[in-house]
C-alpha atoms as a PDB file:
ATOM      1  CA  MET A   1      52.549  57.216 -14.505  1.00  0.00           C
ATOM      2  CA  LYS A   2      50.053  58.238 -17.155  1.00  0.00           C
ATOM      3  CA  ASN A   3      47.668  55.574 -15.871  1.00  0.00           C
ATOM      4  CA  GLN A   4      47.581  57.186 -12.426  1.00  0.00           C
ATOM      5  CA  LYS A   5      46.776  60.645 -13.809  1.00  0.00           C
ATOM      6  CA  LYS A   6      43.704  59.158 -15.553  1.00  0.00           C
ATOM      7  CA  ASN A   7      42.520  57.500 -12.341  1.00  0.00           C
ATOM      8  CA  PRO A   8      39.501  59.418 -11.044  1.00  0.00           C
ATOM      9  CA  LEU A   9      39.999  57.941  -7.583  1.00  0.00           C
ATOM     10  CA  ARG A  10      43.533  59.318  -7.342  1.00  0.00           C
ATOM     11  CA  ILE A  11      42.522  62.114  -5.018  1.00  0.00           C
ATOM     12  CA  VAL A  12      40.520  59.718  -2.777  1.00  0.00           C
ATOM     13  CA  TRP A  13      43.577  57.406  -2.529  1.00  0.00           C
ATOM     14  CA  LEU A  14      45.807  60.334  -1.588  1.00  0.00           C
ATOM     15  CA  LEU A  15      43.308  61.564   1.028  1.00  0.00           C
ATOM     16  CA  PHE A  16      43.090  58.136   2.627  1.00  0.00           C
ATOM     17  CA  GLY A  17      46.849  57.749   2.405  1.00  0.00           C
ATOM     18  CA  PHE A  18      47.561  61.017   4.235  1.00  0.00           C
ATOM     19  CA  LEU A  19      44.748  60.316   6.766  1.00  0.00           C
ATOM     20  CA  ALA A  20      46.219  56.878   7.519  1.00  0.00           C
ATOM     21  CA  MET A  21      49.709  58.402   7.768  1.00  0.00           C
ATOM     22  CA  GLY A  22      48.433  61.032  10.255  1.00  0.00           C
ATOM     23  CA  ILE A  23      46.731  58.362  12.406  1.00  0.00           C
ATOM     24  CA  GLY A  24      49.899  56.233  12.223  1.00  0.00           C
ATOM     25  CA  ALA A  25      52.001  59.200  13.331  1.00  0.00           C
ATOM     26  CA  ILE A  26      49.641  59.816  16.293  1.00  0.00           C
ATOM     27  CA  GLY A  27      49.979  56.115  17.112  1.00  0.00           C
ATOM     28  CA  VAL A  28      53.679  56.590  17.628  1.00  0.00           C
ATOM     29  CA  VAL A  29      52.955  58.631  20.763  1.00  0.00           C
ATOM     30  CA  LEU A  30      49.688  57.024  21.856  1.00  0.00           C
ATOM     31  CA  PRO A  31      50.234  53.408  22.963  1.00  0.00           C
ATOM     32  CA  VAL A  32      46.605  52.396  22.400  1.00  0.00           C
ATOM     33  CA  LEU A  33      46.695  53.291  18.710  1.00  0.00           C
ATOM     34  CA  PRO A  34      48.644  50.889  16.612  1.00  0.00           C
ATOM     35  CA  THR A  35      51.182  52.537  14.295  1.00  0.00           C
ATOM     36  CA  THR A  36      52.160  49.805  11.779  1.00  0.00           C
ATOM     37  CA  PRO A  37      48.742  48.932  10.305  1.00  0.00           C
ATOM     38  CA  PHE A  38      47.996  52.560   9.593  1.00  0.00           C
ATOM     39  CA  LEU A  39      51.365  53.113   7.996  1.00  0.00           C
ATOM     40  CA  LEU A  40      50.900  50.015   5.833  1.00  0.00           C
ATOM     41  CA  LEU A  41      47.520  51.394   4.741  1.00  0.00           C
ATOM     42  CA  ALA A  42      49.193  54.811   4.065  1.00  0.00           C
ATOM     43  CA  SER A  43      51.810  53.156   1.953  1.00  0.00           C
ATOM     44  CA  PHE A  44      49.242  51.218  -0.060  1.00  0.00           C
ATOM     45  CA  CYS A  45      46.914  54.219  -0.564  1.00  0.00           C
ATOM     46  CA  LEU A  46      49.760  56.618  -1.529  1.00  0.00           C
ATOM     47  CA  ALA A  47      51.086  54.051  -4.011  1.00  0.00           C
ATOM     48  CA  LYS A  48      47.675  53.926  -5.608  1.00  0.00           C
ATOM     49  CA  GLY A  49      47.290  57.688  -5.610  1.00  0.00           C
ATOM     50  CA  SER A  50      50.712  58.915  -6.670  1.00  0.00           C
ATOM     51  CA  GLU A  51      54.120  57.390  -7.397  1.00  0.00           C
ATOM     52  CA  ARG A  52      55.763  60.641  -6.272  1.00  0.00           C
ATOM     53  CA  PHE A  53      53.989  60.743  -2.867  1.00  0.00           C
ATOM     54  CA  HIS A  54      54.700  57.039  -2.296  1.00  0.00           C
ATOM     55  CA  ARG A  55      58.420  57.659  -2.984  1.00  0.00           C
ATOM     56  CA  TRP A  56      58.296  60.590  -0.590  1.00  0.00           C
ATOM     57  CA  PHE A  57      56.564  58.516   2.117  1.00  0.00           C
ATOM     58  CA  THR A  58      59.057  55.661   1.851  1.00  0.00           C
ATOM     59  CA  GLY A  59      61.805  58.144   2.480  1.00  0.00           C
ATOM     60  CA  THR A  60      60.380  59.595   5.721  1.00  0.00           C
ATOM     61  CA  LYS A  61      61.744  58.736   9.151  1.00  0.00           C
ATOM     62  CA  LEU A  62      58.294  57.484  10.182  1.00  0.00           C
ATOM     63  CA  TYR A  63      58.360  54.864   7.372  1.00  0.00           C
ATOM     64  CA  LYS A  64      61.946  53.921   7.911  1.00  0.00           C
ATOM     65  CA  LYS A  65      61.576  53.474  11.719  1.00  0.00           C
ATOM     66  CA  HIS A  66      58.232  51.687  11.826  1.00  0.00           C
ATOM     67  CA  LEU A  67      57.643  49.921   8.494  1.00  0.00           C
ATOM     68  CA  GLU A  68      60.732  49.466   6.370  1.00  0.00           C
ATOM     69  CA  SER A  69      62.020  46.252   8.058  1.00  0.00           C
ATOM     70  CA  PHE A  70      58.603  44.665   7.824  1.00  0.00           C
ATOM     71  CA  VAL A  71      58.092  45.559   4.150  1.00  0.00           C
ATOM     72  CA  GLU A  72      61.615  44.479   3.113  1.00  0.00           C
ATOM     73  CA  ASN A  73      61.998  41.448   5.347  1.00  0.00           C
ATOM     74  CA  ARG A  74      58.614  40.485   6.837  1.00  0.00           C
ATOM     75  CA  SER A  75      60.156  41.127  10.247  1.00  0.00           C
ATOM     76  CA  MET A  76      59.346  43.225  13.286  1.00  0.00           C
ATOM     77  CA  THR A  77      60.823  43.951  16.671  1.00  0.00           C
ATOM     78  CA  LEU A  78      59.211  42.304  19.659  1.00  0.00           C
ATOM     79  CA  LYS A  79      58.088  45.771  20.825  1.00  0.00           C
ATOM     80  CA  THR A  80      56.351  46.451  17.488  1.00  0.00           C
ATOM     81  CA  LYS A  81      54.627  43.091  17.520  1.00  0.00           C
ATOM     82  CA  PHE A  82      53.218  43.682  21.009  1.00  0.00           C
ATOM     83  CA  SER A  83      52.259  47.273  20.245  1.00  0.00           C
ATOM     84  CA  LEU A  84      50.043  45.791  17.500  1.00  0.00           C
ATOM     85  CA  LEU A  85      48.833  42.691  19.320  1.00  0.00           C
ATOM     86  CA  ILE A  86      47.934  44.093  22.758  1.00  0.00           C
ATOM     87  CA  PRO A  87      45.523  46.900  21.730  1.00  0.00           C
ATOM     88  CA  ALA A  88      43.839  44.608  19.219  1.00  0.00           C
ATOM     89  CA  SER A  89      43.526  41.886  21.832  1.00  0.00           C
ATOM     90  CA  CYS A  90      42.048  44.306  24.308  1.00  0.00           C
ATOM     91  CA  MET A  91      39.369  45.336  21.816  1.00  0.00           C
ATOM     92  CA  LEU A  92      38.635  41.679  21.034  1.00  0.00           C
ATOM     93  CA  ILE A  93      38.369  40.851  24.734  1.00  0.00           C
ATOM     94  CA  LEU A  94      35.830  43.700  25.159  1.00  0.00           C
ATOM     95  CA  ALA A  95      33.848  42.278  22.271  1.00  0.00           C
ATOM     96  CA  PHE A  96      34.099  38.825  23.891  1.00  0.00           C
ATOM     97  CA  LEU A  97      32.724  40.156  27.163  1.00  0.00           C
ATOM     98  CA  ALA A  98      29.917  42.000  25.467  1.00  0.00           C
ATOM     99  CA  MET A  99      28.853  38.994  23.326  1.00  0.00           C
ATOM    100  CA  GLN A 100      26.423  36.437  24.696  1.00  0.00           C
ATOM    101  CA  ASN A 101      26.489  34.060  21.701  1.00  0.00           C
ATOM    102  CA  VAL A 102      28.774  31.095  22.440  1.00  0.00           C
ATOM    103  CA  TYR A 103      29.745  30.700  18.784  1.00  0.00           C
ATOM    104  CA  GLY A 104      30.618  34.359  18.582  1.00  0.00           C
ATOM    105  CA  ARG A 105      32.781  34.033  21.667  1.00  0.00           C
ATOM    106  CA  ALA A 106      34.515  30.987  20.306  1.00  0.00           C
ATOM    107  CA  PHE A 107      35.222  32.863  17.101  1.00  0.00           C
ATOM    108  CA  ILE A 108      36.740  35.837  18.989  1.00  0.00           C
ATOM    109  CA  LEU A 109      38.959  33.390  20.984  1.00  0.00           C
ATOM    110  CA  PHE A 110      40.025  31.824  17.637  1.00  0.00           C
ATOM    111  CA  LEU A 111      40.885  35.286  16.287  1.00  0.00           C
ATOM    112  CA  ILE A 112      42.993  36.160  19.293  1.00  0.00           C
ATOM    113  CA  LEU A 113      44.848  32.868  19.095  1.00  0.00           C
ATOM    114  CA  PHE A 114      45.287  33.081  15.327  1.00  0.00           C
ATOM    115  CA  LYS A 115      46.707  36.576  15.594  1.00  0.00           C
ATOM    116  CA  TYR A 116      49.429  35.576  18.049  1.00  0.00           C
ATOM    117  CA  VAL A 117      50.268  32.369  16.179  1.00  0.00           C
ATOM    118  CA  TYR A 118      50.553  34.264  12.914  1.00  0.00           C
ATOM    119  CA  PHE A 119      52.725  37.060  14.348  1.00  0.00           C
ATOM    120  CA  PHE A 120      55.139  34.650  16.003  1.00  0.00           C
ATOM    121  CA  THR A 121      55.348  32.005  13.238  1.00  0.00           C
ATOM    122  CA  LYS A 122      55.058  33.995  10.006  1.00  0.00           C
ATOM    123  CA  ILE A 123      56.666  37.299  10.960  1.00  0.00           C
ATOM    124  CA  ARG A 124      60.290  37.092  11.998  1.00  0.00           C
ATOM    125  CA  THR A 125      61.233  38.812  15.267  1.00  0.00           C
ATOM    126  CA  ILE A 126      64.363  40.969  15.093  1.00  0.00           C
ATOM    127  CA  PRO A 127      66.353  42.755  17.817  1.00  0.00           C
ATOM    128  CA  ALA A 128      65.381  46.377  18.532  1.00  0.00           C
ATOM    129  CA  GLY A 129      67.293  48.779  16.330  1.00  0.00           C
ATOM    130  CA  GLN A 130      68.076  46.191  13.656  1.00  0.00           C
ATOM    131  CA  THR A 131      66.514  47.062  10.275  1.00  0.00           C
ATOM    132  CA  ASN A 132      68.401  45.060   7.717  1.00  0.00           C
ATOM    133  CA  ILE A 133      68.204  41.280   7.869  1.00  0.00           C
ATOM    134  CA  PRO A 134      69.717  39.017   5.241  1.00  0.00           C
ATOM    135  CA  GLU A 135      67.061  36.870   3.664  1.00  0.00           C
ATOM    136  CA  ALA A 136      67.066  33.282   4.968  1.00  0.00           C
ATOM    137  CA  GLU A 137      68.712  30.872   2.575  1.00  0.00           C
ATOM    138  CA  GLY A 138      66.804  27.897   1.817  1.00  0.00           C
END
Protein backbone atom coordinates (compact mmCIF):
# COMPACT_ATOMS: atom_id res chain seq x y z
CA MET A 1 0.00 0.00 0.00
CA LYS A 2 2.84 2.43 0.80
CA ASN A 3 4.26 1.82 -2.66
CA GLN A 4 1.03 3.01 -4.32
CA LYS A 5 0.98 6.28 -2.33
CA LYS A 6 4.48 7.12 -3.62
CA ASN A 7 3.48 6.42 -7.22
CA PRO A 8 3.22 9.80 -8.98
CA LEU A 9 1.04 8.25 -11.71
CA ARG A 10 -1.55 7.09 -9.17
CA ILE A 11 -3.99 9.86 -10.11
CA VAL A 12 -3.55 9.15 -13.83
CA TRP A 13 -4.28 5.44 -13.26
CA LEU A 14 -7.39 6.34 -11.27
CA LEU A 15 -8.61 8.78 -13.94
CA PHE A 16 -8.13 6.21 -16.70
CA GLY A 17 -9.77 3.56 -14.51
CA PHE A 18 -12.90 5.63 -13.89
CA LEU A 19 -13.03 6.75 -17.52
CA ALA A 20 -12.84 3.12 -18.71
CA MET A 21 -15.47 2.12 -16.16
CA GLY A 22 -17.78 4.87 -17.42
CA ILE A 23 -17.33 3.84 -21.05
CA GLY A 24 -17.89 0.20 -20.07
CA ALA A 25 -21.09 1.17 -18.24
CA ILE A 26 -22.31 3.02 -21.33
CA GLY A 27 -21.47 -0.09 -23.35
CA VAL A 28 -24.00 -2.05 -21.30
CA VAL A 29 -26.84 -0.11 -22.95
CA LEU A 30 -25.23 0.70 -26.33
CA PRO A 31 -24.77 -2.50 -28.35
CA VAL A 32 -22.06 -1.00 -30.58
CA LEU A 33 -19.77 -0.24 -27.63
CA PRO A 34 -18.14 -3.33 -26.14
CA THR A 35 -18.43 -3.54 -22.34
CA THR A 36 -15.93 -6.20 -21.31
CA PRO A 37 -12.69 -4.72 -22.71
CA PHE A 38 -13.37 -1.38 -21.02
CA LEU A 39 -14.20 -3.06 -17.72
CA LEU A 40 -10.99 -5.11 -17.95
CA LEU A 41 -9.08 -1.89 -18.56
CA ALA A 42 -10.88 -0.24 -15.63
CA SER A 43 -9.95 -3.12 -13.34
CA PHE A 44 -6.31 -2.95 -14.39
CA CYS A 45 -6.07 0.83 -14.03
CA LEU A 46 -7.85 0.94 -10.68
CA ALA A 47 -5.59 -1.83 -9.35
CA LYS A 48 -2.57 0.26 -10.38
CA GLY A 49 -4.03 3.43 -8.87
CA SER A 50 -5.56 2.29 -5.61
CA GLU A 51 -6.09 -1.00 -3.84
CA ARG A 52 -9.20 0.46 -2.16
CA PHE A 53 -10.83 1.56 -5.43
CA HIS A 54 -9.99 -1.77 -7.03
CA ARG A 55 -11.68 -3.63 -4.15
CA TRP A 56 -14.69 -1.33 -4.51
CA PHE A 57 -14.86 -1.89 -8.28
CA THR A 58 -14.70 -5.69 -7.95
CA GLY A 59 -17.68 -5.49 -5.59
CA THR A 60 -19.94 -3.57 -7.99
CA LYS A 61 -22.84 -5.19 -9.89
CA LEU A 62 -21.24 -4.02 -13.13
CA TYR A 63 -18.08 -6.02 -12.42
CA LYS A 64 -19.92 -9.07 -11.11
CA LYS A 65 -22.30 -9.27 -14.07
CA HIS A 66 -19.89 -8.55 -16.93
CA LEU A 67 -16.38 -9.45 -15.81
CA GLU A 68 -16.20 -11.72 -12.77
CA SER A 69 -16.68 -15.04 -14.59
CA PHE A 70 -14.05 -14.11 -17.16
CA VAL A 71 -11.47 -13.02 -14.59
CA GLU A 72 -12.03 -16.05 -12.34
CA ASN A 73 -12.54 -18.77 -14.94
CA ARG A 74 -11.50 -17.41 -18.33
CA SER A 75 -15.08 -17.96 -19.46
CA MET A 76 -17.84 -15.86 -21.02
CA THR A 77 -21.41 -16.34 -22.12
CA LEU A 78 -22.04 -16.66 -25.84
CA LYS A 79 -23.85 -13.30 -25.74
CA THR A 80 -20.79 -11.62 -24.18
CA LYS A 81 -18.48 -13.15 -26.76
CA PHE A 82 -20.60 -11.92 -29.64
CA SER A 83 -21.08 -8.49 -28.05
CA LEU A 84 -17.28 -8.17 -28.19
CA LEU A 85 -16.64 -9.86 -31.52
CA ILE A 86 -19.34 -8.33 -33.73
CA PRO A 87 -18.59 -4.60 -33.17
CA ALA A 88 -14.85 -5.24 -33.50
CA SER A 89 -15.43 -7.27 -36.67
CA CYS A 90 -17.57 -4.48 -38.15
CA MET A 91 -14.78 -1.97 -37.55
CA LEU A 92 -12.22 -4.31 -39.11
CA ILE A 93 -14.48 -4.88 -42.12
CA LEU A 94 -14.73 -1.11 -42.61
CA ALA A 95 -10.94 -0.90 -42.49
CA PHE A 96 -10.76 -3.80 -44.96
CA LEU A 97 -13.08 -2.01 -47.38
CA ALA A 98 -11.15 1.26 -47.08
CA MET A 99 -7.75 -0.37 -47.59
CA GLN A 100 -6.37 -0.84 -51.08
CA ASN A 101 -3.19 -2.71 -50.12
CA VAL A 102 -3.59 -6.46 -50.61
CA TYR A 103 -1.20 -7.27 -47.72
CA GLY A 104 -3.11 -4.96 -45.41
CA ARG A 105 -6.37 -6.60 -46.39
CA ALA A 106 -4.89 -10.05 -45.83
CA PHE A 107 -3.70 -8.98 -42.38
CA ILE A 108 -7.18 -7.67 -41.48
CA LEU A 109 -8.73 -10.97 -42.57
CA PHE A 110 -6.16 -12.78 -40.43
CA LEU A 111 -7.08 -10.59 -37.43
CA ILE A 112 -10.79 -11.32 -37.84
CA LEU A 113 -10.17 -15.05 -38.11
CA PHE A 114 -7.69 -15.07 -35.21
CA LYS A 115 -10.15 -13.21 -32.99
CA TYR A 116 -12.90 -15.77 -33.50
CA VAL A 117 -10.57 -18.77 -33.19
CA TYR A 118 -9.12 -17.37 -29.96
CA PHE A 119 -12.49 -16.56 -28.41
CA PHE A 120 -13.91 -20.00 -29.19
CA THR A 121 -10.85 -22.11 -28.38
CA LYS A 122 -9.15 -20.28 -25.49
CA ILE A 123 -12.13 -18.76 -23.65
CA ARG A 124 -14.69 -21.21 -22.35
CA THR A 125 -18.35 -20.60 -23.23
CA ILE A 126 -20.76 -20.82 -20.29
CA PRO A 127 -24.57 -20.76 -20.19
CA ALA A 128 -26.21 -17.37 -19.61
CA GLY A 129 -26.63 -16.61 -15.92
CA GLN A 130 -23.90 -19.03 -14.81
CA THR A 131 -20.98 -17.32 -13.11
CA ASN A 132 -19.17 -19.99 -11.11
CA ILE A 133 -17.58 -22.81 -13.03
CA PRO A 134 -15.40 -25.43 -11.41
CA GLU A 135 -11.93 -25.43 -12.87
CA ALA A 136 -11.32 -28.25 -15.32
CA GLU A 137 -9.34 -31.07 -13.83
CA GLY A 138 -6.49 -32.21 -15.77
